[in-house]
Protein backbone atom coordinates (compact mmCIF):
# COMPACT_ATOMS: atom_id res chain seq x y z
CA UNK A 1 3.71 -0.03 9.98
CA UNK A 2 2.91 3.61 9.24
CA UNK A 3 0.22 4.35 6.70
CA UNK A 4 1.44 5.35 3.24
CA UNK A 5 0.64 8.85 1.99
CA UNK A 6 -1.28 9.34 -1.23
CA UNK A 7 1.30 11.79 -2.60
CA UNK A 8 4.99 12.15 -1.76
CA UNK A 9 5.73 14.77 0.87
CA UNK A 10 8.39 17.23 -0.40
CA UNK A 11 10.69 17.15 2.66
CA UNK A 12 10.38 13.36 2.95
CA UNK A 13 11.17 13.04 -0.76
CA UNK A 14 14.41 15.05 -0.41
CA UNK A 15 15.46 12.88 2.55
CA UNK A 16 14.57 9.75 0.60
CA UNK A 17 16.60 10.90 -2.39
CA UNK A 18 19.63 11.38 -0.14
CA UNK A 19 19.18 7.87 1.24
CA UNK A 20 18.78 6.37 -2.23
CA UNK A 21 21.83 8.21 -3.55
CA UNK A 22 24.08 6.91 -0.79
CA UNK A 23 22.61 3.39 -0.96
CA UNK A 24 23.15 3.19 -4.72
CA UNK A 25 26.73 4.51 -4.40
CA UNK A 26 27.41 1.49 -2.21
CA UNK A 27 25.73 -0.81 -4.73
CA UNK A 28 23.21 -2.05 -2.15
CA UNK A 29 19.66 -3.18 -2.72
CA UNK A 30 16.85 -1.99 -0.45
CA UNK A 31 16.92 -5.40 1.20
CA UNK A 32 20.65 -5.15 1.90
CA UNK A 33 20.18 -1.76 3.55
CA UNK A 34 17.27 -3.16 5.54
CA UNK A 35 19.36 -6.09 6.76
CA UNK A 36 22.03 -3.69 7.99
CA UNK A 37 19.30 -1.93 9.98
CA UNK A 38 17.74 -5.17 11.28
CA UNK A 39 14.66 -4.15 9.28
CA UNK A 40 14.61 -6.37 6.21
CA UNK A 41 11.39 -4.85 4.82
CA UNK A 42 12.55 -3.38 1.53
CA UNK A 43 9.02 -2.15 0.71
CA UNK A 44 9.04 0.36 3.58
CA UNK A 45 12.50 1.63 2.62
CA UNK A 46 11.46 1.93 -1.04
CA UNK A 47 8.44 4.00 -0.09
CA UNK A 48 10.62 6.08 2.24
CA UNK A 49 13.05 6.78 -0.61
CA UNK A 50 10.14 7.99 -2.76
CA UNK A 51 8.84 10.33 -0.03
CA UNK A 52 5.79 8.38 1.05
CA UNK A 53 7.05 7.90 4.62
CA UNK A 54 8.76 10.30 7.01
CA UNK A 55 11.00 8.31 9.34
CA UNK A 56 11.19 8.98 13.04
CA UNK A 57 14.43 10.53 14.23
CA UNK A 58 15.46 7.13 15.60
CA UNK A 59 14.84 5.43 12.25
CA UNK A 60 16.63 8.21 10.35
CA UNK A 61 19.67 7.71 12.62
CA UNK A 62 19.53 3.93 12.04
CA UNK A 63 19.51 4.55 8.29
CA UNK A 64 22.48 6.90 8.54
CA UNK A 65 24.40 4.41 10.69
CA UNK A 66 23.63 1.56 8.28
CA UNK A 67 24.89 3.72 5.40
CA UNK A 68 27.98 4.61 7.45
CA UNK A 69 27.28 8.32 7.07
CA UNK A 70 26.15 11.10 9.36
CA UNK A 71 22.52 11.96 9.86
CA UNK A 72 23.40 15.58 9.09
CA UNK A 73 24.60 14.57 5.62
CA UNK A 74 21.19 13.03 4.89
CA UNK A 75 19.30 16.16 5.92
CA UNK A 76 21.66 18.88 4.71
CA UNK A 77 19.52 19.66 1.63
CA UNK A 78 16.29 20.03 3.58
């Protein structure tokens, strides 16, 4: 697993906020999103939503697919 940053990274935080917003609109927990991605580790996703992890492009696409949204919609505010 990637090492956690000491402070949130601004771009990662904006991406994470977009993920959290869409996840919460669906009423899903971090674990439910993780299960849809075949990655049931809610801790990683929680840290990603807070900007402590920058996902790879592959992981970002998996998140978008699990949320049934486009990747471009998750990065449009970057």
